[in-house]
């Protein structure tokens, strides 16, 4: 199924935080890595609610297709510390969802993720999500290109962690190359690091998502 040719992709604003968090929560409700780390949908919802407004839209940027798709990015060298109140809310929700084991998984996995970011300045794609009813229309590829244009304009790398193997072909079409699975403990779902060098050519128009 093809996406409509006329769709509005706009820069996300702080007032869009609730909608973006809702879209991403729905898109990541079946995400294997998120569920393994945080223990379930309620904790995942809290994560996006806390991070969207107070981290990514304040210290990074995002794009939005209203009602359908959203992304959250960080600029190169922008790794803000999570405010204590936000951290407490995420931790409390994670504990209620999965107990102390979920807290421990989240802490250890977060350390692994951060330690494997590229040393070079890079744009970091934290999340891209498309509502269930809109998947398969190419919206994921379209909205990702908006962030990649910024990276290309500044001659910068782009980096992401891919938690769903079915999305690998889309990322590869957009120029991302697999680096290596992150060294999570035995039994954890795979999380694939992917890196994209800056491009001087037009991005392909076809996509998925």
N, C-alpha and C. Protein backbone atom coordinates (compact mmCIF):
# COMPACT_ATOMS: atom_id res chain seq x y z
N UNK A 1 0.85 -1.19 0.00
CA UNK A 1 0.00 0.00 0.00
C UNK A 1 0.88 1.24 0.00
N UNK A 2 0.63 2.18 -0.89
CA UNK A 2 1.47 3.36 -1.02
C UNK A 2 0.96 4.48 -0.14
N UNK A 3 1.88 5.32 0.29
CA UNK A 3 1.50 6.50 1.06
C UNK A 3 0.92 7.54 0.12
N UNK A 4 0.01 8.39 0.63
CA UNK A 4 -0.47 9.49 -0.19
C UNK A 4 0.70 10.38 -0.61
N UNK A 5 0.63 10.91 -1.85
CA UNK A 5 1.74 11.72 -2.33
C UNK A 5 1.83 13.04 -1.57
N UNK A 6 0.71 13.56 -1.07
CA UNK A 6 0.70 14.81 -0.34
C UNK A 6 0.53 14.54 1.15
N UNK A 7 1.61 14.57 1.87
CA UNK A 7 1.55 14.47 3.32
C UNK A 7 2.39 15.59 3.90
N UNK A 8 1.99 16.05 5.08
CA UNK A 8 2.72 17.14 5.71
C UNK A 8 3.65 16.58 6.78
N UNK A 9 4.93 16.78 6.58
CA UNK A 9 5.94 16.45 7.58
C UNK A 9 6.43 17.76 8.15
N UNK A 10 6.25 17.97 9.44
CA UNK A 10 6.63 19.25 10.02
C UNK A 10 7.57 19.05 11.20
N UNK A 11 8.29 20.12 11.52
CA UNK A 11 9.16 20.11 12.68
C UNK A 11 8.32 20.02 13.94
N UNK A 12 8.68 19.12 14.83
CA UNK A 12 7.92 18.94 16.07
C UNK A 12 8.18 20.10 17.03
N UNK A 13 7.13 20.50 17.73
CA UNK A 13 7.22 21.55 18.74
C UNK A 13 6.90 20.96 20.10
N UNK A 14 7.20 21.72 21.16
CA UNK A 14 6.92 21.22 22.51
C UNK A 14 5.45 20.86 22.69
N UNK A 15 4.57 21.62 22.07
CA UNK A 15 3.14 21.33 22.22
C UNK A 15 2.72 20.03 21.53
N UNK A 16 3.61 19.46 20.72
CA UNK A 16 3.34 18.17 20.07
C UNK A 16 3.78 16.99 20.92
N UNK A 17 4.36 17.24 22.09
CA UNK A 17 4.99 16.16 22.87
C UNK A 17 4.03 15.03 23.17
N UNK A 18 2.81 15.34 23.59
CA UNK A 18 1.87 14.28 23.95
C UNK A 18 1.52 13.41 22.75
N UNK A 19 1.29 14.04 21.60
CA UNK A 19 0.96 13.25 20.41
C UNK A 19 2.13 12.38 19.98
N UNK A 20 3.33 12.94 20.00
CA UNK A 20 4.51 12.15 19.62
C UNK A 20 4.70 10.98 20.55
N UNK A 21 4.59 11.22 21.86
CA UNK A 21 4.74 10.13 22.83
C UNK A 21 3.70 9.05 22.59
N UNK A 22 2.48 9.43 22.25
CA UNK A 22 1.41 8.46 22.02
C UNK A 22 1.68 7.63 20.77
N UNK A 23 2.14 8.29 19.70
CA UNK A 23 2.47 7.57 18.47
C UNK A 23 3.60 6.57 18.72
N UNK A 24 4.65 7.02 19.39
CA UNK A 24 5.79 6.14 19.62
C UNK A 24 5.45 5.00 20.57
N UNK A 25 4.62 5.27 21.58
CA UNK A 25 4.19 4.20 22.48
C UNK A 25 3.47 3.11 21.72
N UNK A 26 2.56 3.50 20.83
CA UNK A 26 1.84 2.51 20.04
C UNK A 26 2.79 1.74 19.12
N UNK A 27 3.68 2.46 18.47
CA UNK A 27 4.60 1.82 17.53
C UNK A 27 5.55 0.85 18.22
N UNK A 28 5.95 1.16 19.46
CA UNK A 28 6.91 0.32 20.18
C UNK A 28 6.25 -0.66 21.15
N UNK A 29 4.93 -0.78 21.10
CA UNK A 29 4.25 -1.67 22.05
C UNK A 29 4.66 -3.12 21.90
N UNK A 30 5.09 -3.52 20.69
CA UNK A 30 5.53 -4.90 20.45
C UNK A 30 7.04 -4.99 20.26
N UNK A 31 7.75 -3.92 20.62
CA UNK A 31 9.19 -3.92 20.41
C UNK A 31 9.88 -4.89 21.37
N UNK A 32 10.64 -5.85 20.87
CA UNK A 32 11.22 -6.87 21.76
C UNK A 32 12.21 -6.31 22.76
N UNK A 33 13.06 -5.37 22.34
CA UNK A 33 14.07 -4.84 23.25
C UNK A 33 13.42 -3.96 24.32
N UNK A 34 12.50 -3.09 23.91
CA UNK A 34 11.82 -2.24 24.88
C UNK A 34 11.07 -3.05 25.92
N UNK A 35 10.36 -4.08 25.48
CA UNK A 35 9.61 -4.90 26.43
C UNK A 35 10.54 -5.69 27.35
N UNK A 36 11.65 -6.15 26.82
CA UNK A 36 12.62 -6.87 27.65
C UNK A 36 13.22 -5.94 28.70
N UNK A 37 13.54 -4.72 28.30
CA UNK A 37 14.15 -3.79 29.24
C UNK A 37 13.16 -3.30 30.29
N UNK A 38 12.00 -2.81 29.85
CA UNK A 38 11.12 -2.04 30.72
C UNK A 38 9.95 -2.83 31.29
N UNK A 39 9.70 -4.01 30.76
CA UNK A 39 8.71 -4.86 31.38
C UNK A 39 7.29 -4.75 30.87
N UNK A 40 7.03 -3.89 29.90
CA UNK A 40 5.67 -3.84 29.37
C UNK A 40 5.27 -2.48 28.86
N UNK A 41 4.05 -2.42 28.30
CA UNK A 41 3.58 -1.24 27.59
C UNK A 41 3.44 -0.02 28.49
N UNK A 42 3.03 -0.23 29.74
CA UNK A 42 2.83 0.93 30.62
C UNK A 42 4.16 1.64 30.89
N UNK A 43 5.19 0.90 31.13
CA UNK A 43 6.50 1.52 31.37
C UNK A 43 7.05 2.15 30.09
N UNK A 44 6.79 1.54 28.94
CA UNK A 44 7.22 2.12 27.67
C UNK A 44 6.52 3.46 27.45
N UNK A 45 5.23 3.52 27.78
CA UNK A 45 4.49 4.78 27.65
C UNK A 45 5.10 5.86 28.54
N UNK A 46 5.44 5.50 29.77
CA UNK A 46 6.06 6.48 30.68
C UNK A 46 7.39 6.96 30.13
N UNK A 47 8.17 6.05 29.59
CA UNK A 47 9.46 6.41 29.00
C UNK A 47 9.29 7.49 27.94
N UNK A 48 8.40 7.26 26.99
CA UNK A 48 8.23 8.23 25.90
C UNK A 48 7.61 9.53 26.41
N UNK A 49 6.70 9.45 27.37
CA UNK A 49 6.11 10.67 27.92
C UNK A 49 7.17 11.55 28.57
N UNK A 50 8.08 10.94 29.30
CA UNK A 50 9.09 11.71 30.02
C UNK A 50 10.21 12.21 29.11
N UNK A 51 10.61 11.40 28.16
CA UNK A 51 11.75 11.77 27.32
C UNK A 51 11.39 12.72 26.19
N UNK A 52 10.18 12.60 25.65
CA UNK A 52 9.82 13.40 24.49
C UNK A 52 9.89 14.89 24.81
N UNK A 53 9.19 15.30 25.86
CA UNK A 53 9.11 16.72 26.17
C UNK A 53 10.39 17.25 26.82
N UNK A 54 10.92 16.53 27.79
CA UNK A 54 11.96 17.09 28.64
C UNK A 54 13.38 16.77 28.20
N UNK A 55 13.54 15.91 27.21
CA UNK A 55 14.88 15.62 26.68
C UNK A 55 14.95 15.93 25.18
N UNK A 56 14.20 15.19 24.38
CA UNK A 56 14.42 15.26 22.94
C UNK A 56 13.89 16.53 22.29
N UNK A 57 12.76 17.05 22.72
CA UNK A 57 12.26 18.28 22.12
C UNK A 57 12.88 19.52 22.74
N UNK A 58 13.62 19.36 23.82
CA UNK A 58 14.34 20.50 24.42
C UNK A 58 15.80 20.55 23.98
N UNK A 59 16.41 19.38 23.82
CA UNK A 59 17.84 19.33 23.52
C UNK A 59 18.12 18.72 22.15
N UNK A 60 17.09 18.27 21.47
CA UNK A 60 17.23 17.69 20.15
C UNK A 60 16.12 18.22 19.25
N UNK A 61 15.58 17.35 18.42
CA UNK A 61 14.50 17.76 17.51
C UNK A 61 13.73 16.53 17.08
N UNK A 62 12.61 16.75 16.46
CA UNK A 62 11.81 15.65 15.95
C UNK A 62 10.99 16.12 14.77
N UNK A 63 10.36 15.16 14.11
CA UNK A 63 9.43 15.46 13.02
C UNK A 63 8.13 14.70 13.27
N UNK A 64 7.06 15.24 12.69
CA UNK A 64 5.73 14.69 12.96
C UNK A 64 4.89 14.71 11.69
N UNK A 65 4.25 13.59 11.42
CA UNK A 65 3.13 13.51 10.49
C UNK A 65 1.92 13.33 11.38
N UNK A 66 1.11 14.37 11.52
CA UNK A 66 0.05 14.38 12.53
C UNK A 66 -0.84 13.14 12.41
N UNK A 67 -1.02 12.49 13.54
CA UNK A 67 -1.88 11.32 13.60
C UNK A 67 -1.26 10.04 13.09
N UNK A 68 -0.03 10.09 12.57
CA UNK A 68 0.49 8.91 11.88
C UNK A 68 1.90 8.49 12.28
N UNK A 69 2.86 9.42 12.30
CA UNK A 69 4.26 9.02 12.45
C UNK A 69 5.06 10.12 13.13
N UNK A 70 6.15 9.71 13.78
CA UNK A 70 6.98 10.68 14.50
C UNK A 70 8.40 10.15 14.62
N UNK A 71 9.35 11.10 14.78
CA UNK A 71 10.74 10.76 15.06
C UNK A 71 11.25 11.65 16.18
N UNK A 72 12.29 11.16 16.86
CA UNK A 72 13.02 11.95 17.85
C UNK A 72 14.52 11.76 17.62
N UNK A 73 15.25 12.87 17.58
CA UNK A 73 16.68 12.87 17.31
C UNK A 73 17.42 13.69 18.36
N UNK A 74 18.72 13.44 18.49
CA UNK A 74 19.62 14.33 19.21
C UNK A 74 20.65 14.87 18.24
N UNK A 75 21.04 16.13 18.46
CA UNK A 75 22.10 16.74 17.68
C UNK A 75 23.46 16.14 18.06
N UNK A 76 24.46 16.29 17.22
CA UNK A 76 25.80 15.84 17.58
C UNK A 76 26.27 16.46 18.90
N UNK A 77 26.87 15.61 19.72
CA UNK A 77 27.44 16.02 21.02
C UNK A 77 26.40 16.49 22.02
N UNK A 78 25.13 16.23 21.78
CA UNK A 78 24.08 16.61 22.72
C UNK A 78 23.59 15.38 23.46
N UNK A 79 24.13 15.18 24.66
CA UNK A 79 23.70 14.06 25.49
C UNK A 79 23.32 14.58 26.86
N UNK A 80 22.13 15.21 26.94
CA UNK A 80 21.72 15.82 28.22
C UNK A 80 21.43 14.76 29.28
N UNK A 81 21.70 15.13 30.51
CA UNK A 81 21.39 14.25 31.63
C UNK A 81 19.89 14.26 31.88
N UNK A 82 19.32 13.09 32.08
CA UNK A 82 17.90 12.98 32.36
C UNK A 82 17.58 13.63 33.70
N UNK A 83 16.65 14.60 33.74
CA UNK A 83 16.29 15.22 35.02
C UNK A 83 15.84 14.18 36.04
N UNK A 84 16.15 14.43 37.30
CA UNK A 84 15.88 13.46 38.36
C UNK A 84 14.41 13.08 38.43
N UNK A 85 13.51 14.04 38.32
CA UNK A 85 12.09 13.73 38.41
C UNK A 85 11.66 12.80 37.30
N UNK A 86 12.14 13.06 36.08
CA UNK A 86 11.82 12.17 34.97
C UNK A 86 12.38 10.77 35.21
N UNK A 87 13.60 10.71 35.70
CA UNK A 87 14.23 9.42 35.99
C UNK A 87 13.44 8.64 37.04
N UNK A 88 12.94 9.34 38.06
CA UNK A 88 12.16 8.68 39.10
C UNK A 88 10.84 8.15 38.55
N UNK A 89 10.21 8.90 37.67
CA UNK A 89 8.94 8.44 37.08
C UNK A 89 9.14 7.22 36.21
N UNK A 90 10.20 7.24 35.38
CA UNK A 90 10.49 6.08 34.54
C UNK A 90 10.85 4.88 35.40
N UNK A 91 11.69 5.10 36.41
CA UNK A 91 12.08 4.00 37.29
C UNK A 91 10.90 3.41 38.03
N UNK A 92 10.01 4.26 38.53
CA UNK A 92 8.84 3.76 39.25
C UNK A 92 7.93 2.94 38.36
N UNK A 93 7.69 3.42 37.15
CA UNK A 93 6.85 2.69 36.22
C UNK A 93 7.49 1.37 35.80
N UNK A 94 8.80 1.38 35.60
CA UNK A 94 9.51 0.16 35.25
C UNK A 94 9.45 -0.86 36.37
N UNK A 95 9.60 -0.39 37.61
CA UNK A 95 9.52 -1.30 38.76
C UNK A 95 8.14 -1.93 38.87
N UNK A 96 7.10 -1.13 38.67
CA UNK A 96 5.74 -1.67 38.73
C UNK A 96 5.48 -2.69 37.62
N UNK A 97 6.11 -2.47 36.46
CA UNK A 97 5.89 -3.37 35.33
C UNK A 97 6.70 -4.66 35.43
N UNK A 98 7.93 -4.55 35.92
CA UNK A 98 8.80 -5.73 35.87
C UNK A 98 9.63 -5.98 37.10
N UNK A 99 9.42 -5.18 38.15
CA UNK A 99 10.15 -5.41 39.39
C UNK A 99 11.61 -5.00 39.30
N UNK A 100 12.38 -5.45 40.28
CA UNK A 100 13.78 -5.06 40.35
C UNK A 100 14.58 -5.61 39.18
N UNK A 101 14.15 -6.75 38.63
CA UNK A 101 14.87 -7.30 37.48
C UNK A 101 14.79 -6.37 36.27
N UNK A 102 13.63 -5.75 36.07
CA UNK A 102 13.49 -4.80 34.96
C UNK A 102 14.36 -3.57 35.20
N UNK A 103 14.41 -3.10 36.44
CA UNK A 103 15.29 -1.97 36.76
C UNK A 103 16.74 -2.31 36.43
N UNK A 104 17.18 -3.48 36.84
CA UNK A 104 18.57 -3.89 36.59
C UNK A 104 18.84 -4.06 35.10
N UNK A 105 17.88 -4.64 34.37
CA UNK A 105 18.06 -4.80 32.92
C UNK A 105 18.17 -3.44 32.24
N UNK A 106 17.32 -2.52 32.65
CA UNK A 106 17.32 -1.19 32.04
C UNK A 106 18.63 -0.47 32.29
N UNK A 107 19.12 -0.54 33.50
CA UNK A 107 20.38 0.15 33.83
C UNK A 107 21.55 -0.45 33.07
N UNK A 108 21.65 -1.77 33.05
CA UNK A 108 22.79 -2.40 32.39
C UNK A 108 22.71 -2.21 30.87
N UNK A 109 21.50 -2.33 30.30
CA UNK A 109 21.35 -2.15 28.86
C UNK A 109 21.65 -0.71 28.45
N UNK A 110 21.23 0.25 29.27
CA UNK A 110 21.49 1.65 28.96
C UNK A 110 22.99 1.94 28.94
N UNK A 111 23.73 1.33 29.87
CA UNK A 111 25.18 1.52 29.88
C UNK A 111 25.80 0.97 28.61
N UNK A 112 25.34 -0.20 28.18
CA UNK A 112 25.88 -0.81 26.96
C UNK A 112 25.58 0.09 25.76
N UNK A 113 24.35 0.56 25.66
CA UNK A 113 23.94 1.39 24.53
C UNK A 113 24.81 2.65 24.46
N UNK A 114 24.94 3.35 25.56
CA UNK A 114 25.71 4.60 25.56
C UNK A 114 27.18 4.36 25.26
N UNK A 115 27.73 3.28 25.76
CA UNK A 115 29.16 3.03 25.57
C UNK A 115 29.51 2.67 24.13
N UNK A 116 28.51 2.32 23.32
CA UNK A 116 28.80 1.91 21.95
C UNK A 116 28.42 2.97 20.92
N UNK A 117 28.06 4.15 21.38
CA UNK A 117 27.84 5.22 20.41
C UNK A 117 29.16 5.57 19.73
N UNK A 118 29.11 6.01 18.47
CA UNK A 118 30.35 6.40 17.78
C UNK A 118 31.07 7.52 18.53
N UNK A 119 32.38 7.50 18.45
CA UNK A 119 33.17 8.56 19.07
C UNK A 119 33.07 9.85 18.27
N UNK A 120 32.83 9.75 16.97
CA UNK A 120 32.73 10.93 16.13
C UNK A 120 31.39 11.63 16.37
N UNK A 121 31.32 12.95 16.14
CA UNK A 121 30.03 13.65 16.24
C UNK A 121 29.01 13.02 15.30
N UNK A 122 27.79 12.84 15.78
CA UNK A 122 26.77 12.17 14.97
C UNK A 122 25.37 12.59 15.41
N UNK A 123 24.46 12.55 14.45
CA UNK A 123 23.05 12.70 14.75
C UNK A 123 22.53 11.35 15.23
N UNK A 124 21.83 11.36 16.36
CA UNK A 124 21.36 10.11 16.96
C UNK A 124 19.85 10.00 16.80
N UNK A 125 19.41 8.98 16.09
CA UNK A 125 17.99 8.68 15.97
C UNK A 125 17.57 7.83 17.16
N UNK A 126 16.86 8.43 18.09
CA UNK A 126 16.38 7.69 19.25
C UNK A 126 15.18 6.83 18.90
N UNK A 127 14.24 7.36 18.13
CA UNK A 127 13.04 6.59 17.84
C UNK A 127 12.39 7.09 16.56
N UNK A 128 11.86 6.17 15.80
CA UNK A 128 10.95 6.46 14.69
C UNK A 128 9.79 5.49 14.84
N UNK A 129 8.57 6.02 14.74
CA UNK A 129 7.41 5.16 14.93
C UNK A 129 6.26 5.57 14.03
N UNK A 130 5.50 4.56 13.59
CA UNK A 130 4.33 4.76 12.76
C UNK A 130 3.16 4.02 13.41
N UNK A 131 2.02 4.67 13.51
CA UNK A 131 0.86 4.00 14.09
C UNK A 131 0.52 2.73 13.32
N UNK A 132 -0.04 1.76 14.02
CA UNK A 132 -0.30 0.45 13.43
C UNK A 132 -1.11 0.56 12.15
N UNK A 133 -2.17 1.39 12.16
CA UNK A 133 -3.05 1.49 11.00
C UNK A 133 -2.39 2.17 9.81
N UNK A 134 -1.25 2.82 10.03
CA UNK A 134 -0.58 3.53 8.95
C UNK A 134 0.69 2.86 8.48
N UNK A 135 1.02 1.72 9.05
CA UNK A 135 2.24 1.03 8.65
C UNK A 135 2.08 0.42 7.27
N UNK A 136 3.20 0.30 6.57
CA UNK A 136 3.18 -0.24 5.22
C UNK A 136 2.87 0.79 4.15
N UNK A 137 2.81 2.08 4.52
CA UNK A 137 2.50 3.14 3.56
C UNK A 137 3.72 3.99 3.18
N UNK A 138 4.88 3.64 3.70
CA UNK A 138 6.07 4.40 3.37
C UNK A 138 6.33 5.61 4.24
N UNK A 139 5.53 5.77 5.30
CA UNK A 139 5.67 6.97 6.13
C UNK A 139 6.97 6.96 6.94
N UNK A 140 7.41 5.78 7.36
CA UNK A 140 8.64 5.70 8.13
C UNK A 140 9.84 6.22 7.33
N UNK A 141 9.94 5.81 6.08
CA UNK A 141 11.03 6.27 5.24
C UNK A 141 10.95 7.76 4.98
N UNK A 142 9.75 8.25 4.73
CA UNK A 142 9.60 9.68 4.43
C UNK A 142 10.00 10.55 5.62
N UNK A 143 9.54 10.20 6.79
CA UNK A 143 9.82 11.06 7.93
C UNK A 143 11.28 10.95 8.36
N UNK A 144 11.89 9.79 8.16
CA UNK A 144 13.31 9.66 8.47
C UNK A 144 14.17 10.55 7.59
N UNK A 145 13.78 10.72 6.35
CA UNK A 145 14.58 11.53 5.43
C UNK A 145 14.72 12.97 5.90
N UNK A 146 13.72 13.46 6.64
CA UNK A 146 13.80 14.85 7.10
C UNK A 146 14.97 15.03 8.06
N UNK A 147 15.17 14.09 8.96
CA UNK A 147 16.32 14.17 9.85
C UNK A 147 17.63 13.94 9.13
N UNK A 148 17.62 13.03 8.17
CA UNK A 148 18.85 12.73 7.44
C UNK A 148 19.29 13.91 6.58
N UNK A 149 18.34 14.72 6.12
CA UNK A 149 18.71 15.92 5.38
C UNK A 149 19.57 16.84 6.24
N UNK A 150 19.23 16.95 7.52
CA UNK A 150 20.02 17.80 8.41
C UNK A 150 21.43 17.24 8.58
N UNK A 151 21.51 15.93 8.79
CA UNK A 151 22.83 15.31 8.94
C UNK A 151 23.67 15.52 7.68
N UNK A 152 23.07 15.33 6.52
CA UNK A 152 23.81 15.50 5.27
C UNK A 152 24.24 16.95 5.06
N UNK A 153 23.35 17.88 5.40
CA UNK A 153 23.68 19.29 5.21
C UNK A 153 24.87 19.71 6.06
N UNK A 154 25.06 19.02 7.18
CA UNK A 154 26.18 19.34 8.08
C UNK A 154 27.35 18.36 7.93
N UNK A 155 27.27 17.48 6.95
CA UNK A 155 28.35 16.53 6.71
C UNK A 155 28.60 15.60 7.88
N UNK A 156 27.52 15.21 8.58
CA UNK A 156 27.66 14.45 9.81
C UNK A 156 27.14 13.02 9.66
N UNK A 157 27.68 12.13 10.49
CA UNK A 157 27.19 10.78 10.59
C UNK A 157 25.79 10.76 11.20
N UNK A 158 25.05 9.70 10.91
CA UNK A 158 23.80 9.41 11.60
C UNK A 158 23.91 8.01 12.19
N UNK A 159 23.31 7.82 13.35
CA UNK A 159 23.48 6.56 14.08
C UNK A 159 22.14 6.16 14.70
N UNK A 160 21.89 4.86 14.74
CA UNK A 160 20.69 4.33 15.38
C UNK A 160 20.96 2.94 15.91
N UNK A 161 20.07 2.48 16.79
CA UNK A 161 20.05 1.08 17.23
C UNK A 161 18.74 0.48 16.74
N UNK A 162 18.85 -0.58 15.97
CA UNK A 162 17.69 -1.22 15.33
C UNK A 162 17.27 -2.44 16.15
N UNK A 163 16.06 -2.35 16.71
CA UNK A 163 15.56 -3.44 17.56
C UNK A 163 14.63 -4.39 16.82
N UNK A 164 14.30 -4.08 15.56
CA UNK A 164 13.39 -4.93 14.78
C UNK A 164 14.07 -5.31 13.48
N UNK A 165 14.49 -6.56 13.33
CA UNK A 165 15.19 -6.96 12.10
C UNK A 165 14.42 -6.67 10.82
N UNK A 166 13.08 -6.65 10.88
CA UNK A 166 12.32 -6.39 9.66
C UNK A 166 12.53 -4.97 9.14
N UNK A 167 13.04 -4.08 10.00
CA UNK A 167 13.29 -2.70 9.56
C UNK A 167 14.67 -2.51 8.93
N UNK A 168 15.52 -3.53 9.01
CA UNK A 168 16.88 -3.40 8.48
C UNK A 168 16.90 -3.00 7.01
N UNK A 169 16.08 -3.61 6.13
CA UNK A 169 16.13 -3.20 4.71
C UNK A 169 15.80 -1.72 4.50
N UNK A 170 14.86 -1.18 5.27
CA UNK A 170 14.54 0.24 5.15
C UNK A 170 15.74 1.09 5.51
N UNK A 171 16.38 0.79 6.63
CA UNK A 171 17.53 1.58 7.05
C UNK A 171 18.67 1.47 6.04
N UNK A 172 18.84 0.29 5.48
CA UNK A 172 19.90 0.10 4.49
C UNK A 172 19.61 0.91 3.22
N UNK A 173 18.35 0.99 2.80
CA UNK A 173 18.00 1.80 1.63
C UNK A 173 18.30 3.27 1.88
N UNK A 174 18.22 3.68 3.12
CA UNK A 174 18.49 5.08 3.46
C UNK A 174 19.97 5.34 3.72
N UNK A 175 20.80 4.32 3.56
CA UNK A 175 22.24 4.51 3.66
C UNK A 175 22.88 4.03 4.94
N UNK A 176 22.11 3.49 5.87
CA UNK A 176 22.69 2.95 7.11
C UNK A 176 23.35 1.60 6.83
N UNK A 177 24.45 1.38 7.54
CA UNK A 177 25.18 0.13 7.41
C UNK A 177 25.28 -0.54 8.78
N UNK A 178 25.04 -1.85 8.85
CA UNK A 178 25.17 -2.53 10.13
C UNK A 178 26.58 -2.43 10.67
N UNK A 179 26.70 -2.20 11.97
CA UNK A 179 27.99 -2.19 12.64
C UNK A 179 28.19 -3.52 13.36
N UNK A 180 27.39 -3.76 14.37
CA UNK A 180 27.47 -5.03 15.11
C UNK A 180 26.31 -5.07 16.09
N UNK A 181 25.83 -6.28 16.42
CA UNK A 181 24.86 -6.36 17.51
C UNK A 181 25.50 -5.91 18.82
N UNK A 182 24.76 -5.18 19.63
CA UNK A 182 25.30 -4.75 20.91
C UNK A 182 25.41 -5.94 21.86
N UNK A 183 26.42 -5.95 22.73
CA UNK A 183 26.68 -7.12 23.59
C UNK A 183 25.75 -7.19 24.80
N UNK A 184 24.49 -7.48 24.53
CA UNK A 184 23.53 -7.70 25.60
C UNK A 184 23.74 -9.11 26.17
N UNK A 185 23.23 -9.38 27.37
CA UNK A 185 23.40 -10.71 27.96
C UNK A 185 22.65 -11.79 27.20
N UNK A 186 23.03 -13.03 27.43
CA UNK A 186 22.36 -14.17 26.80
C UNK A 186 20.87 -14.11 27.11
N UNK A 187 20.08 -14.39 26.10
CA UNK A 187 18.63 -14.40 26.27
C UNK A 187 17.97 -13.08 25.94
N UNK A 188 18.74 -12.01 25.79
CA UNK A 188 18.18 -10.71 25.44
C UNK A 188 17.91 -10.65 23.94
N UNK A 189 16.90 -9.90 23.52
CA UNK A 189 16.67 -9.72 22.09
C UNK A 189 17.84 -8.96 21.46
N UNK A 190 18.10 -9.17 20.18
CA UNK A 190 19.22 -8.48 19.53
C UNK A 190 18.92 -7.00 19.31
N UNK A 191 19.96 -6.20 19.42
CA UNK A 191 19.88 -4.77 19.12
C UNK A 191 21.07 -4.45 18.23
N UNK A 192 20.78 -4.05 16.99
CA UNK A 192 21.82 -3.88 15.97
C UNK A 192 22.19 -2.41 15.82
N UNK A 193 23.46 -2.09 16.05
CA UNK A 193 23.96 -0.75 15.80
C UNK A 193 24.11 -0.55 14.29
N UNK A 194 23.66 0.64 13.81
CA UNK A 194 23.75 0.95 12.39
C UNK A 194 24.25 2.39 12.23
N UNK A 195 25.14 2.59 11.28
CA UNK A 195 25.80 3.88 11.09
C UNK A 195 25.65 4.31 9.63
N UNK A 196 25.44 5.60 9.43
CA UNK A 196 25.26 6.12 8.09
C UNK A 196 26.22 7.29 7.85
N UNK A 197 27.09 7.18 6.85
CA UNK A 197 27.94 8.32 6.51
C UNK A 197 27.12 9.40 5.83
N UNK A 198 27.57 10.66 5.88
CA UNK A 198 26.83 11.70 5.19
C UNK A 198 26.80 11.46 3.70
N UNK A 199 25.68 11.84 3.09
CA UNK A 199 25.49 11.62 1.66
C UNK A 199 25.40 12.95 0.94
N UNK A 200 25.92 12.99 -0.28
CA UNK A 200 25.80 14.18 -1.11
C UNK A 200 24.82 13.97 -2.25
N UNK A 201 24.20 12.79 -2.28
CA UNK A 201 23.24 12.48 -3.34
C UNK A 201 21.84 12.50 -2.78
N UNK A 202 20.86 12.53 -3.65
CA UNK A 202 19.47 12.51 -3.23
C UNK A 202 19.14 11.18 -2.58
N UNK A 203 18.38 11.23 -1.49
CA UNK A 203 17.94 10.01 -0.86
C UNK A 203 16.86 9.36 -1.74
N UNK A 204 16.78 8.01 -1.73
CA UNK A 204 15.73 7.35 -2.50
C UNK A 204 14.36 7.72 -1.97
N UNK A 205 13.37 7.74 -2.84
CA UNK A 205 12.03 8.17 -2.44
C UNK A 205 11.19 7.03 -1.90
N UNK A 206 11.49 5.81 -2.24
CA UNK A 206 10.67 4.71 -1.75
C UNK A 206 11.04 4.39 -0.31
N UNK A 207 10.10 3.88 0.44
CA UNK A 207 10.37 3.58 1.84
C UNK A 207 9.40 2.54 2.35
N UNK A 208 9.45 2.31 3.63
CA UNK A 208 8.56 1.37 4.28
C UNK A 208 8.27 1.91 5.65
N UNK A 209 7.37 1.25 6.35
CA UNK A 209 7.08 1.67 7.69
C UNK A 209 5.62 1.89 7.93
